[in-house]
């Protein structure tokens, strides 16, 4: 409970200081350090690094349903997302950060909802 309250307060303060770039970045680094010490996840509300309008990378992995896949670290995932946190139309949200921060591999889902690949 106390961790949830601390998270809400931290996110509120960090978001209010978004226009003060140095202060904003310093607070995110502080948040990440505290979380690392307590075994928590990094600040989840970051944006992707690919500028708006540019295509996001497409990598064919050649994996089959039921295979184990390795998850990329959060920082690498941000490098594949545009500034709206999307990669080819698929949104990456803050709720997924704890998964990639604490797991290194996953079983691939056995069914796909769509075979189309929308552009970013």
PDB file of N, CA and C in Angstrom:
ATOM      1  N   UNK A   1       0.823  -1.195   0.000  1.00  0.00           N
ATOM      2  CA  UNK A   1       0.000   0.000   0.000  1.00  0.00           C
ATOM      3  C   UNK A   1       0.867   1.258   0.000  1.00  0.00           C
ATOM      4  N   UNK A   2       1.874   1.267   0.886  1.00  0.00           N
ATOM      5  CA  UNK A   2       2.756   2.421   0.978  1.00  0.00           C
ATOM      6  C   UNK A   2       3.527   2.623  -0.328  1.00  0.00           C
ATOM      7  N   UNK A   3       3.917   1.506  -0.981  1.00  0.00           N
ATOM      8  CA  UNK A   3       4.610   1.593  -2.258  1.00  0.00           C
ATOM      9  C   UNK A   3       3.738   2.218  -3.330  1.00  0.00           C
ATOM     10  N   UNK A   4       2.449   1.886  -3.337  1.00  0.00           N
ATOM     11  CA  UNK A   4       1.519   2.454  -4.306  1.00  0.00           C
ATOM     12  C   UNK A   4       1.335   3.943  -4.115  1.00  0.00           C
ATOM     13  N   UNK A   5       1.249   4.369  -2.866  1.00  0.00           N
ATOM     14  CA  UNK A   5       1.108   5.799  -2.561  1.00  0.00           C
ATOM     15  C   UNK A   5       2.373   6.542  -2.989  1.00  0.00           C
ATOM     16  N   UNK A   6       3.530   5.961  -2.701  1.00  0.00           N
ATOM     17  CA  UNK A   6       4.796   6.583  -3.098  1.00  0.00           C
ATOM     18  C   UNK A   6       4.890   6.686  -4.615  1.00  0.00           C
ATOM     19  N   UNK A   7       4.420   5.673  -5.327  1.00  0.00           N
ATOM     20  CA  UNK A   7       4.439   5.702  -6.786  1.00  0.00           C
ATOM     21  C   UNK A   7       3.563   6.834  -7.314  1.00  0.00           C
ATOM     22  N   UNK A   8       2.352   6.948  -6.812  1.00  0.00           N
ATOM     23  CA  UNK A   8       1.421   7.993  -7.279  1.00  0.00           C
ATOM     24  C   UNK A   8       2.009   9.379  -7.023  1.00  0.00           C
ATOM     25  N   UNK A   9       2.570   9.588  -5.857  1.00  0.00           N
ATOM     26  CA  UNK A   9       3.174  10.887  -5.541  1.00  0.00           C
ATOM     27  C   UNK A   9       4.362  11.152  -6.470  1.00  0.00           C
ATOM     28  N   UNK A  10       5.214  10.142  -6.667  1.00  0.00           N
ATOM     29  CA  UNK A  10       6.383  10.303  -7.536  1.00  0.00           C
ATOM     30  C   UNK A  10       5.981  10.648  -8.959  1.00  0.00           C
ATOM     31  N   UNK A  11       5.031   9.903  -9.510  1.00  0.00           N
ATOM     32  CA  UNK A  11       4.596  10.150 -10.889  1.00  0.00           C
ATOM     33  C   UNK A  11       3.981  11.536 -11.023  1.00  0.00           C
ATOM     34  N   UNK A  12       3.198  11.946 -10.046  1.00  0.00           N
ATOM     35  CA  UNK A  12       2.578  13.271 -10.085  1.00  0.00           C
ATOM     36  C   UNK A  12       3.636  14.364 -10.100  1.00  0.00           C
ATOM     37  N   UNK A  13       4.609  14.273  -9.211  1.00  0.00           N
ATOM     38  CA  UNK A  13       5.666  15.291  -9.138  1.00  0.00           C
ATOM     39  C   UNK A  13       6.497  15.283 -10.417  1.00  0.00           C
ATOM     40  N   UNK A  14       6.893  14.097 -10.878  1.00  0.00           N
ATOM     41  CA  UNK A  14       7.721  14.001 -12.082  1.00  0.00           C
ATOM     42  C   UNK A  14       6.975  14.545 -13.292  1.00  0.00           C
ATOM     43  N   UNK A  15       5.713  14.228 -13.437  1.00  0.00           N
ATOM     44  CA  UNK A  15       4.944  14.716 -14.588  1.00  0.00           C
ATOM     45  C   UNK A  15       4.734  16.223 -14.546  1.00  0.00           C
ATOM     46  N   UNK A  16       4.578  16.788 -13.382  1.00  0.00           N
ATOM     47  CA  UNK A  16       4.397  18.244 -13.279  1.00  0.00           C
ATOM     48  C   UNK A  16       5.673  19.002 -13.649  1.00  0.00           C
ATOM     49  N   UNK A  17       6.816  18.326 -13.511  1.00  0.00           N
ATOM     50  CA  UNK A  17       8.090  18.973 -13.828  1.00  0.00           C
ATOM     51  C   UNK A  17       8.604  18.574 -15.211  1.00  0.00           C
ATOM     52  N   UNK A  18       7.734  18.041 -16.059  1.00  0.00           N
ATOM     53  CA  UNK A  18       8.129  17.557 -17.389  1.00  0.00           C
ATOM     54  C   UNK A  18       8.783  18.657 -18.237  1.00  0.00           C
ATOM     55  N   UNK A  19       8.355  19.904 -18.098  1.00  0.00           N
ATOM     56  CA  UNK A  19       8.918  20.999 -18.891  1.00  0.00           C
ATOM     57  C   UNK A  19      10.290  21.451 -18.392  1.00  0.00           C
ATOM     58  N   UNK A  20      10.635  21.081 -17.208  1.00  0.00           N
ATOM     59  CA  UNK A  20      11.971  21.397 -16.669  1.00  0.00           C
ATOM     60  C   UNK A  20      12.843  20.162 -16.876  1.00  0.00           C
ATOM     61  N   UNK A  21      13.441  20.082 -18.040  1.00  0.00           N
ATOM     62  CA  UNK A  21      14.092  18.858 -18.498  1.00  0.00           C
ATOM     63  C   UNK A  21      15.159  18.315 -17.542  1.00  0.00           C
ATOM     64  N   UNK A  22      16.020  19.169 -17.025  1.00  0.00           N
ATOM     65  CA  UNK A  22      17.076  18.696 -16.116  1.00  0.00           C
ATOM     66  C   UNK A  22      16.490  18.139 -14.819  1.00  0.00           C
ATOM     67  N   UNK A  23      15.545  18.863 -14.253  1.00  0.00           N
ATOM     68  CA  UNK A  23      14.910  18.417 -13.009  1.00  0.00           C
ATOM     69  C   UNK A  23      14.126  17.136 -13.258  1.00  0.00           C
ATOM     70  N   UNK A  24      13.409  17.078 -14.363  1.00  0.00           N
ATOM     71  CA  UNK A  24      12.611  15.908 -14.726  1.00  0.00           C
ATOM     72  C   UNK A  24      13.513  14.682 -14.865  1.00  0.00           C
ATOM     73  N   UNK A  25      14.610  14.815 -15.606  1.00  0.00           N
ATOM     74  CA  UNK A  25      15.539  13.697 -15.810  1.00  0.00           C
ATOM     75  C   UNK A  25      16.194  13.278 -14.493  1.00  0.00           C
ATOM     76  N   UNK A  26      16.556  14.245 -13.661  1.00  0.00           N
ATOM     77  CA  UNK A  26      17.187  13.930 -12.375  1.00  0.00           C
ATOM     78  C   UNK A  26      16.227  13.174 -11.454  1.00  0.00           C
ATOM     79  N   UNK A  27      14.958  13.573 -11.452  1.00  0.00           N
ATOM     80  CA  UNK A  27      13.971  12.883 -10.617  1.00  0.00           C
ATOM     81  C   UNK A  27      13.723  11.454 -11.104  1.00  0.00           C
ATOM     82  N   UNK A  28      13.732  11.256 -12.411  1.00  0.00           N
ATOM     83  CA  UNK A  28      13.556   9.895 -12.939  1.00  0.00           C
ATOM     84  C   UNK A  28      14.756   9.030 -12.557  1.00  0.00           C
ATOM     85  N   UNK A  29      15.970   9.590 -12.666  1.00  0.00           N
ATOM     86  CA  UNK A  29      17.165   8.825 -12.251  1.00  0.00           C
ATOM     87  C   UNK A  29      17.102   8.478 -10.764  1.00  0.00           C
ATOM     88  N   UNK A  30      16.669   9.424  -9.931  1.00  0.00           N
ATOM     89  CA  UNK A  30      16.533   9.178  -8.495  1.00  0.00           C
ATOM     90  C   UNK A  30      15.501   8.083  -8.240  1.00  0.00           C
ATOM     91  N   UNK A  31      14.369   8.168  -8.925  1.00  0.00           N
ATOM     92  CA  UNK A  31      13.318   7.155  -8.786  1.00  0.00           C
ATOM     93  C   UNK A  31      13.874   5.774  -9.147  1.00  0.00           C
ATOM     94  N   UNK A  32      14.590   5.697 -10.272  1.00  0.00           N
ATOM     95  CA  UNK A  32      15.158   4.417 -10.704  1.00  0.00           C
ATOM     96  C   UNK A  32      16.150   3.857  -9.688  1.00  0.00           C
ATOM     97  N   UNK A  33      16.977   4.713  -9.118  1.00  0.00           N
ATOM     98  CA  UNK A  33      17.955   4.251  -8.119  1.00  0.00           C
ATOM     99  C   UNK A  33      17.271   3.712  -6.864  1.00  0.00           C
ATOM    100  N   UNK A  34      16.265   4.438  -6.394  1.00  0.00           N
ATOM    101  CA  UNK A  34      15.534   3.978  -5.210  1.00  0.00           C
ATOM    102  C   UNK A  34      14.851   2.643  -5.501  1.00  0.00           C
ATOM    103  N   UNK A  35      14.235   2.545  -6.675  1.00  0.00           N
ATOM    104  CA  UNK A  35      13.564   1.297  -7.049  1.00  0.00           C
ATOM    105  C   UNK A  35      14.550   0.142  -7.164  1.00  0.00           C
ATOM    106  N   UNK A  36      15.727   0.417  -7.690  1.00  0.00           N
ATOM    107  CA  UNK A  36      16.741  -0.640  -7.811  1.00  0.00           C
ATOM    108  C   UNK A  36      17.170  -1.132  -6.429  1.00  0.00           C
ATOM    109  N   UNK A  37      17.328  -0.220  -5.493  1.00  0.00           N
ATOM    110  CA  UNK A  37      17.708  -0.589  -4.125  1.00  0.00           C
ATOM    111  C   UNK A  37      16.646  -1.444  -3.445  1.00  0.00           C
ATOM    112  N   UNK A  38      15.369  -1.136  -3.724  1.00  0.00           N
ATOM    113  CA  UNK A  38      14.302  -1.891  -3.068  1.00  0.00           C
ATOM    114  C   UNK A  38      13.780  -3.050  -3.908  1.00  0.00           C
ATOM    115  N   UNK A  39      14.431  -3.296  -5.062  1.00  0.00           N
ATOM    116  CA  UNK A  39      14.026  -4.415  -5.909  1.00  0.00           C
ATOM    117  C   UNK A  39      12.798  -4.142  -6.744  1.00  0.00           C
ATOM    118  N   UNK A  40      12.506  -2.865  -6.979  1.00  0.00           N
ATOM    119  CA  UNK A  40      11.332  -2.484  -7.759  1.00  0.00           C
ATOM    120  C   UNK A  40      11.654  -2.292  -9.228  1.00  0.00           C
ATOM    121  N   UNK A  41      10.678  -1.832  -9.977  1.00  0.00           N
ATOM    122  CA  UNK A  41      10.832  -1.626 -11.416  1.00  0.00           C
ATOM    123  C   UNK A  41      11.162  -0.171 -11.716  1.00  0.00           C
ATOM    124  N   UNK A  42      11.816   0.099 -12.863  1.00  0.00           N
ATOM    125  CA  UNK A  42      12.151   1.485 -13.213  1.00  0.00           C
ATOM    126  C   UNK A  42      10.916   2.313 -13.529  1.00  0.00           C
ATOM    127  N   UNK A  43      11.118   3.615 -13.630  1.00  0.00           N
ATOM    128  CA  UNK A  43      10.022   4.544 -13.926  1.00  0.00           C
ATOM    129  C   UNK A  43       9.354   4.129 -15.227  1.00  0.00           C
ATOM    130  N   UNK A  44       8.061   3.811 -15.190  1.00  0.00           N
ATOM    131  CA  UNK A  44       7.407   3.232 -16.361  1.00  0.00           C
ATOM    132  C   UNK A  44       6.864   4.211 -17.389  1.00  0.00           C
ATOM    133  N   UNK A  45       6.788   5.479 -17.084  1.00  0.00           N
ATOM    134  CA  UNK A  45       6.144   6.438 -17.993  1.00  0.00           C
ATOM    135  C   UNK A  45       7.179   7.180 -18.849  1.00  0.00           C
ATOM    136  N   UNK A  46       7.913   6.432 -19.668  1.00  0.00           N
ATOM    137  CA  UNK A  46       8.876   7.023 -20.589  1.00  0.00           C
ATOM    138  C   UNK A  46       8.333   6.906 -22.003  1.00  0.00           C
ATOM    139  N   UNK A  47       8.888   7.710 -22.909  1.00  0.00           N
ATOM    140  CA  UNK A  47       8.445   7.641 -24.287  1.00  0.00           C
ATOM    141  C   UNK A  47       9.519   7.000 -25.159  1.00  0.00           C
ATOM    142  N   UNK A  48       9.069   6.441 -26.289  1.00  0.00           N
ATOM    143  CA  UNK A  48       9.979   5.826 -27.238  1.00  0.00           C
ATOM    144  C   UNK A  48      10.926   6.844 -27.847  1.00  0.00           C
ATOM    145  N   UNK A  49      11.960   6.337 -28.529  1.00  0.00           N
ATOM    146  CA  UNK A  49      13.017   7.218 -29.030  1.00  0.00           C
ATOM    147  C   UNK A  49      12.959   7.490 -30.527  1.00  0.00           C
ATOM    148  N   UNK A  50      12.074   6.832 -31.243  1.00  0.00           N
ATOM    149  CA  UNK A  50      11.991   7.034 -32.688  1.00  0.00           C
ATOM    150  C   UNK A  50      11.078   8.227 -32.961  1.00  0.00           C
ATOM    151  N   UNK A  51      11.581   9.221 -33.696  1.00  0.00           N
ATOM    152  CA  UNK A  51      10.775  10.426 -33.955  1.00  0.00           C
ATOM    153  C   UNK A  51       9.470  10.115 -34.689  1.00  0.00           C
ATOM    154  N   UNK A  52       8.473  10.938 -34.450  1.00  0.00           N
ATOM    155  CA  UNK A  52       7.168  10.778 -35.101  1.00  0.00           C
ATOM    156  C   UNK A  52       7.342  10.825 -36.613  1.00  0.00           C
ATOM    157  N   UNK A  53       6.643   9.922 -37.295  1.00  0.00           N
ATOM    158  CA  UNK A  53       6.704   9.880 -38.740  1.00  0.00           C
ATOM    159  C   UNK A  53       7.706   8.885 -39.295  1.00  0.00           C
ATOM    160  N   UNK A  54       8.685   8.486 -38.494  1.00  0.00           N
ATOM    161  CA  UNK A  54       9.653   7.488 -38.954  1.00  0.00           C
ATOM    162  C   UNK A  54       9.127   6.091 -38.670  1.00  0.00           C
ATOM    163  N   UNK A  55       9.482   5.149 -39.527  1.00  0.00           N
ATOM    164  CA  UNK A  55       9.044   3.766 -39.324  1.00  0.00           C
ATOM    165  C   UNK A  55       9.810   3.143 -38.167  1.00  0.00           C
ATOM    166  N   UNK A  56       9.106   2.310 -37.433  1.00  0.00           N
ATOM    167  CA  UNK A  56       9.754   1.551 -36.360  1.00  0.00           C
ATOM    168  C   UNK A  56      10.362   0.291 -36.950  1.00  0.00           C
ATOM    169  N   UNK A  57      11.361  -0.295 -36.285  1.00  0.00           N
ATOM    170  CA  UNK A  57      12.034  -1.459 -36.857  1.00  0.00           C
ATOM    171  C   UNK A  57      11.135  -2.690 -36.926  1.00  0.00           C
ATOM    172  N   UNK A  58      11.359  -3.486 -37.951  1.00  0.00           N
ATOM    173  CA  UNK A  58      10.648  -4.742 -38.125  1.00  0.00           C
ATOM    174  C   UNK A  58      11.681  -5.857 -38.115  1.00  0.00           C
ATOM    175  N   UNK A  59      11.533  -6.791 -37.197  1.00  0.00           N
ATOM    176  CA  UNK A  59      12.452  -7.915 -37.101  1.00  0.00           C
ATOM    177  C   UNK A  59      11.653  -9.199 -37.166  1.00  0.00           C
ATOM    178  N   UNK A  60      12.011 -10.048 -38.081  1.00  0.00           N
ATOM    179  CA  UNK A  60      11.378 -11.364 -38.193  1.00  0.00           C
ATOM    180  C   UNK A  60      12.169 -12.330 -37.328  1.00  0.00           C
ATOM    181  N   UNK A  61      11.526 -12.865 -36.309  1.00  0.00           N
ATOM    182  CA  UNK A  61      12.213 -13.744 -35.371  1.00  0.00           C
ATOM    183  C   UNK A  61      12.154 -15.215 -35.767  1.00  0.00           C
ATOM    184  N   UNK A  62      11.151 -15.585 -36.548  1.00  0.00           N
ATOM    185  CA  UNK A  62      11.029 -16.972 -36.973  1.00  0.00           C
ATOM    186  C   UNK A  62      10.717 -17.919 -35.828  1.00  0.00           C
ATOM    187  N   UNK A  63       9.933 -17.476 -34.856  1.00  0.00           N
ATOM    188  CA  UNK A  63       9.558 -18.348 -33.739  1.00  0.00           C
ATOM    189  C   UNK A  63       8.185 -18.939 -33.991  1.00  0.00           C
ATOM    190  N   UNK A  64       7.966 -20.078 -33.402  1.00  0.00           N
ATOM    191  CA  UNK A  64       6.698 -20.785 -33.570  1.00  0.00           C
ATOM    192  C   UNK A  64       5.931 -20.782 -32.253  1.00  0.00           C
ATOM    193  N   UNK A  65       4.609 -20.936 -32.315  1.00  0.00           N
ATOM    194  CA  UNK A  65       3.822 -21.014 -31.077  1.00  0.00           C
ATOM    195  C   UNK A  65       4.355 -22.112 -30.158  1.00  0.00           C
ATOM    196  N   UNK A  66       4.439 -21.787 -28.875  1.00  0.00           N
ATOM    197  CA  UNK A  66       4.918 -22.734 -27.878  1.00  0.00           C
ATOM    198  C   UNK A  66       6.403 -22.615 -27.576  1.00  0.00           C
ATOM    199  N   UNK A  67       7.152 -21.889 -28.412  1.00  0.00           N
ATOM    200  CA  UNK A  67       8.580 -21.709 -28.162  1.00  0.00           C
ATOM    201  C   UNK A  67       8.800 -20.676 -27.064  1.00  0.00           C
ATOM    202  N   UNK A  68       9.930 -20.786 -26.386  1.00  0.00           N
ATOM    203  CA  UNK A  68      10.301 -19.820 -25.359  1.00  0.00           C
ATOM    204  C   UNK A  68      11.019 -18.666 -26.045  1.00  0.00           C
ATOM    205  N   UNK A  69      10.644 -17.441 -25.700  1.00  0.00           N
ATOM    206  CA  UNK A  69      11.297 -16.262 -26.268  1.00  0.00           C
ATOM    207  C   UNK A  69      11.968 -15.464 -25.148  1.00  0.00           C
ATOM    208  N   UNK A  70      13.007 -14.737 -25.494  1.00  0.00           N
ATOM    209  CA  UNK A  70      13.704 -13.867 -24.537  1.00  0.00           C
ATOM    210  C   UNK A  70      13.140 -12.466 -24.659  1.00  0.00           C
ATOM    211  N   UNK A  71      12.848 -11.837 -23.549  1.00  0.00           N
ATOM    212  CA  UNK A  71      12.344 -10.462 -23.546  1.00  0.00           C
ATOM    213  C   UNK A  71      13.508  -9.484 -23.553  1.00  0.00           C
ATOM    214  N   UNK A  72      13.362  -8.415 -24.304  1.00  0.00           N
ATOM    215  CA  UNK A  72      14.380  -7.369 -24.301  1.00  0.00           C
ATOM    216  C   UNK A  72      14.256  -6.559 -23.017  1.00  0.00           C
ATOM    217  N   UNK A  73      15.370  -6.006 -22.545  1.00  0.00           N
ATOM    218  CA  UNK A  73      15.294  -5.092 -21.401  1.00  0.00           C
ATOM    219  C   UNK A  73      14.502  -3.840 -21.779  1.00  0.00           C
ATOM    220  N   UNK A  74      13.961  -3.184 -20.795  1.00  0.00           N
ATOM    221  CA  UNK A  74      13.114  -2.000 -20.982  1.00  0.00           C
ATOM    222  C   UNK A  74      13.797  -0.931 -21.835  1.00  0.00           C
ATOM    223  N   UNK A  75      15.060  -0.648 -21.570  1.00  0.00           N
ATOM    224  CA  UNK A  75      15.775   0.387 -22.328  1.00  0.00           C
ATOM    225  C   UNK A  75      15.862   0.024 -23.808  1.00  0.00           C
ATOM    226  N   UNK A  76      16.053  -1.242 -24.135  1.00  0.00           N
ATOM    227  CA  UNK A  76      16.102  -1.665 -25.541  1.00  0.00           C
ATOM    228  C   UNK A  76      14.722  -1.561 -26.191  1.00  0.00           C
ATOM    229  N   UNK A  77      13.686  -1.865 -25.435  1.00  0.00           N
ATOM    230  CA  UNK A  77      12.330  -1.754 -25.970  1.00  0.00           C
ATOM    231  C   UNK A  77      12.026  -0.299 -26.322  1.00  0.00           C
ATOM    232  N   UNK A  78      12.443   0.639 -25.472  1.00  0.00           N
ATOM    233  CA  UNK A  78      12.211   2.060 -25.761  1.00  0.00           C
ATOM    234  C   UNK A  78      12.867   2.470 -27.078  1.00  0.00           C
ATOM    235  N   UNK A  79      13.966   1.825 -27.431  1.00  0.00           N
ATOM    236  CA  UNK A  79      14.648   2.118 -28.687  1.00  0.00           C
ATOM    237  C   UNK A  79      13.894   1.638 -29.916  1.00  0.00           C
ATOM    238  N   UNK A  80      12.875   0.796 -29.726  1.00  0.00           N
ATOM    239  CA  UNK A  80      12.091   0.290 -30.856  1.00  0.00           C
ATOM    240  C   UNK A  80      10.721   0.962 -30.948  1.00  0.00           C
ATOM    241  N   UNK A  81      10.433   1.893 -30.044  1.00  0.00           N
ATOM    242  CA  UNK A  81       9.126   2.554 -30.001  1.00  0.00           C
ATOM    243  C   UNK A  81       9.207   3.977 -30.521  1.00  0.00           C
ATOM    244  N   UNK A  82       8.100   4.443 -31.137  1.00  0.00           N
ATOM    245  CA  UNK A  82       8.051   5.842 -31.544  1.00  0.00           C
ATOM    246  C   UNK A  82       7.650   6.703 -30.341  1.00  0.00           C
ATOM    247  N   UNK A  83       7.503   7.990 -30.565  1.00  0.00           N
ATOM    248  CA  UNK A  83       7.221   8.907 -29.458  1.00  0.00           C
ATOM    249  C   UNK A  83       5.820   8.729 -28.866  1.00  0.00           C
ATOM    250  N   UNK A  84       4.982   7.911 -29.513  1.00  0.00           N
ATOM    251  CA  UNK A  84       3.664   7.580 -28.953  1.00  0.00           C
ATOM    252  C   UNK A  84       3.684   6.189 -28.313  1.00  0.00           C
ATOM    253  N   UNK A  85       4.879   5.644 -28.101  1.00  0.00           N
ATOM    254  CA  UNK A  85       5.091   4.318 -27.509  1.00  0.00           C
ATOM    255  C   UNK A  85       4.449   3.197 -28.321  1.00  0.00           C
ATOM    256  N   UNK A  86       4.539   3.316 -29.639  1.00  0.00           N
ATOM    257  CA  UNK A  86       4.005   2.286 -30.521  1.00  0.00           C
ATOM    258  C   UNK A  86       5.105   1.746 -31.420  1.00  0.00           C
ATOM    259  N   UNK A  87       4.982   0.479 -31.761  1.00  0.00           N
ATOM    260  CA  UNK A  87       5.824  -0.141 -32.773  1.00  0.00           C
ATOM    261  C   UNK A  87       4.885  -0.802 -33.769  1.00  0.00           C
ATOM    262  N   UNK A  88       4.782  -0.207 -34.947  1.00  0.00           N
ATOM    263  CA  UNK A  88       3.908  -0.708 -36.016  1.00  0.00           C
ATOM    264  C   UNK A  88       2.461  -0.861 -35.546  1.00  0.00           C
ATOM    265  N   UNK A  89       1.999   0.114 -34.769  1.00  0.00           N
ATOM    266  CA  UNK A  89       0.616   0.135 -34.321  1.00  0.00           C
ATOM    267  C   UNK A  89       0.363  -0.524 -32.979  1.00  0.00           C
ATOM    268  N   UNK A  90       1.311  -1.322 -32.492  1.00  0.00           N
ATOM    269  CA  UNK A  90       1.145  -2.008 -31.211  1.00  0.00           C
ATOM    270  C   UNK A  90       1.666  -1.114 -30.095  1.00  0.00           C
ATOM    271  N   UNK A  91       0.807  -0.827 -29.125  1.00  0.00           N
ATOM    272  CA  UNK A  91       1.117   0.094 -28.032  1.00  0.00           C
ATOM    273  C   UNK A  91       1.826  -0.638 -26.892  1.00  0.00           C
ATOM    274  N   UNK A  92       2.870  -0.028 -26.357  1.00  0.00           N
ATOM    275  CA  UNK A  92       3.579  -0.542 -25.186  1.00  0.00           C
ATOM    276  C   UNK A  92       3.267   0.398 -24.035  1.00  0.00           C
ATOM    277  N   UNK A  93       2.599  -0.111 -22.977  1.00  0.00           N
ATOM    278  CA  UNK A  93       2.142   0.738 -21.890  1.00  0.00           C
ATOM    279  C   UNK A  93       2.931   0.487 -20.614  1.00  0.00           C
ATOM    280  N   UNK A  94       2.766   1.375 -19.677  1.00  0.00           N
ATOM    281  CA  UNK A  94       3.474   1.306 -18.400  1.00  0.00           C
ATOM    282  C   UNK A  94       3.189   0.008 -17.640  1.00  0.00           C
ATOM    283  N   UNK A  95       2.017  -0.582 -17.857  1.00  0.00           N
ATOM    284  CA  UNK A  95       1.681  -1.823 -17.147  1.00  0.00           C
ATOM    285  C   UNK A  95       2.570  -2.984 -17.578  1.00  0.00           C
ATOM    286  N   UNK A  96       3.229  -2.857 -18.729  1.00  0.00           N
ATOM    287  CA  UNK A  96       4.098  -3.927 -19.216  1.00  0.00           C
ATOM    288  C   UNK A  96       5.516  -3.825 -18.674  1.00  0.00           C
ATOM    289  N   UNK A  97       5.881  -2.691 -18.115  1.00  0.00           N
ATOM    290  CA  UNK A  97       7.236  -2.490 -17.602  1.00  0.00           C
ATOM    291  C   UNK A  97       7.589  -3.494 -16.506  1.00  0.00           C
ATOM    292  N   UNK A  98       6.721  -3.759 -15.518  1.00  0.00           N
ATOM    293  CA  UNK A  98       7.095  -4.746 -14.506  1.00  0.00           C
ATOM    294  C   UNK A  98       7.366  -6.139 -15.096  1.00  0.00           C
ATOM    295  N   UNK A  99       6.704  -6.480 -16.178  1.00  0.00           N
ATOM    296  CA  UNK A  99       6.924  -7.792 -16.791  1.00  0.00           C
ATOM    297  C   UNK A  99       8.320  -7.859 -17.397  1.00  0.00           C
ATOM    298  N   UNK A 100       8.688  -6.856 -18.204  1.00  0.00           N
ATOM    299  CA  UNK A 100      10.003  -6.902 -18.842  1.00  0.00           C
ATOM    300  C   UNK A 100      11.126  -6.614 -17.851  1.00  0.00           C
ATOM    301  N   UNK A 101      10.812  -5.959 -16.741  1.00  0.00           N
ATOM    302  CA  UNK A 101      11.834  -5.669 -15.740  1.00  0.00           C
ATOM    303  C   UNK A 101      12.129  -6.877 -14.853  1.00  0.00           C
ATOM    304  N   UNK A 102      11.198  -7.807 -14.748  1.00  0.00           N
ATOM    305  CA  UNK A 102      11.385  -8.931 -13.831  1.00  0.00           C
ATOM    306  C   UNK A 102      11.480 -10.287 -14.519  1.00  0.00           C
ATOM    307  N   UNK A 103      11.152 -10.372 -15.802  1.00  0.00           N
ATOM    308  CA  UNK A 103      11.217 -11.641 -16.535  1.00  0.00           C
ATOM    309  C   UNK A 103      12.216 -11.522 -17.676  1.00  0.00           C
ATOM    310  N   UNK A 104      12.920 -12.607 -17.963  1.00  0.00           N
ATOM    311  CA  UNK A 104      13.831 -12.589 -19.093  1.00  0.00           C
ATOM    312  C   UNK A 104      13.342 -13.458 -20.236  1.00  0.00           C
ATOM    313  N   UNK A 105      12.455 -14.411 -19.956  1.00  0.00           N
ATOM    314  CA  UNK A 105      11.919 -15.209 -21.044  1.00  0.00           C
ATOM    315  C   UNK A 105      10.456 -15.533 -20.803  1.00  0.00           C
ATOM    316  N   UNK A 106       9.768 -15.853 -21.864  1.00  0.00           N
ATOM    317  CA  UNK A 106       8.333 -16.088 -21.824  1.00  0.00           C
ATOM    318  C   UNK A 106       7.985 -17.180 -22.816  1.00  0.00           C
ATOM    319  N   UNK A 107       6.885 -17.897 -22.576  1.00  0.00           N
ATOM    320  CA  UNK A 107       6.360 -18.821 -23.575  1.00  0.00           C
ATOM    321  C   UNK A 107       5.559 -18.019 -24.579  1.00  0.00           C
ATOM    322  N   UNK A 108       5.826 -18.248 -25.854  1.00  0.00           N
ATOM    323  CA  UNK A 108       5.102 -17.547 -26.900  1.00  0.00           C
ATOM    324  C   UNK A 108       3.646 -17.987 -26.911  1.00  0.00           C
ATOM    325  N   UNK A 109       2.732 -17.035 -27.049  1.00  0.00           N
ATOM    326  CA  UNK A 109       1.303 -17.336 -27.070  1.00  0.00           C
ATOM    327  C   UNK A 109       1.010 -18.270 -28.241  1.00  0.00           C
ATOM    328  N   UNK A 110       0.134 -19.226 -28.013  1.00  0.00           N
ATOM    329  CA  UNK A 110      -0.116 -20.231 -29.043  1.00  0.00           C
ATOM    330  C   UNK A 110      -1.038 -19.766 -30.155  1.00  0.00           C
ATOM    331  N   UNK A 111      -1.824 -18.714 -29.938  1.00  0.00           N
ATOM    332  CA  UNK A 111      -2.726 -18.201 -30.973  1.00  0.00           C
ATOM    333  C   UNK A 111      -2.440 -16.732 -31.209  1.00  0.00           C
ATOM    334  N   UNK A 112      -2.502 -16.341 -32.462  1.00  0.00           N
ATOM    335  CA  UNK A 112      -2.332 -14.931 -32.808  1.00  0.00           C
ATOM    336  C   UNK A 112      -3.689 -14.345 -33.132  1.00  0.00           C
ATOM    337  N   UNK A 113      -3.912 -13.112 -32.719  1.00  0.00           N
ATOM    338  CA  UNK A 113      -5.206 -12.485 -32.983  1.00  0.00           C
ATOM    339  C   UNK A 113      -5.279 -11.941 -34.401  1.00  0.00           C
ATOM    340  N   UNK A 114      -4.137 -11.621 -34.986  1.00  0.00           N
ATOM    341  CA  UNK A 114      -4.127 -11.060 -36.325  1.00  0.00           C
ATOM    342  C   UNK A 114      -2.795 -11.354 -36.988  1.00  0.00           C
ATOM    343  N   UNK A 115      -2.810 -11.580 -38.276  1.00  0.00           N
ATOM    344  CA  UNK A 115      -1.564 -11.805 -38.987  1.00  0.00           C
ATOM    345  C   UNK A 115      -1.104 -10.556 -39.729  1.00  0.00           C
ATOM    346  N   UNK A 116      -1.916  -9.505 -39.703  1.00  0.00           N
ATOM    347  CA  UNK A 116      -1.539  -8.274 -40.387  1.00  0.00           C
ATOM    348  C   UNK A 116      -0.549  -7.488 -39.537  1.00  0.00           C
ATOM    349  N   UNK A 117       0.285  -6.719 -40.208  1.00  0.00           N
ATOM    350  CA  UNK A 117       1.271  -5.886 -39.521  1.00  0.00           C
ATOM    351  C   UNK A 117       1.016  -4.433 -39.885  1.00  0.00           C
ATOM    352  N   UNK A 118       0.275  -3.690 -39.043  1.00  0.00           N
ATOM    353  CA  UNK A 118      -0.019  -2.290 -39.363  1.00  0.00           C
ATOM    354  C   UNK A 118       1.236  -1.434 -39.308  1.00  0.00           C
ATOM    355  N   UNK A 119       1.258  -0.395 -40.096  1.00  0.00           N
ATOM    356  CA  UNK A 119       2.377   0.549 -40.054  1.00  0.00           C
ATOM    357  C   UNK A 119       2.256   1.402 -38.811  1.00  0.00           C
ATOM    358  N   UNK A 120       3.392   1.961 -38.395  1.00  0.00           N
ATOM    359  CA  UNK A 120       3.389   2.809 -37.194  1.00  0.00           C
ATOM    360  C   UNK A 120       2.742   4.136 -37.425  1.00  0.00           C
TER     361      UNK A 120
END
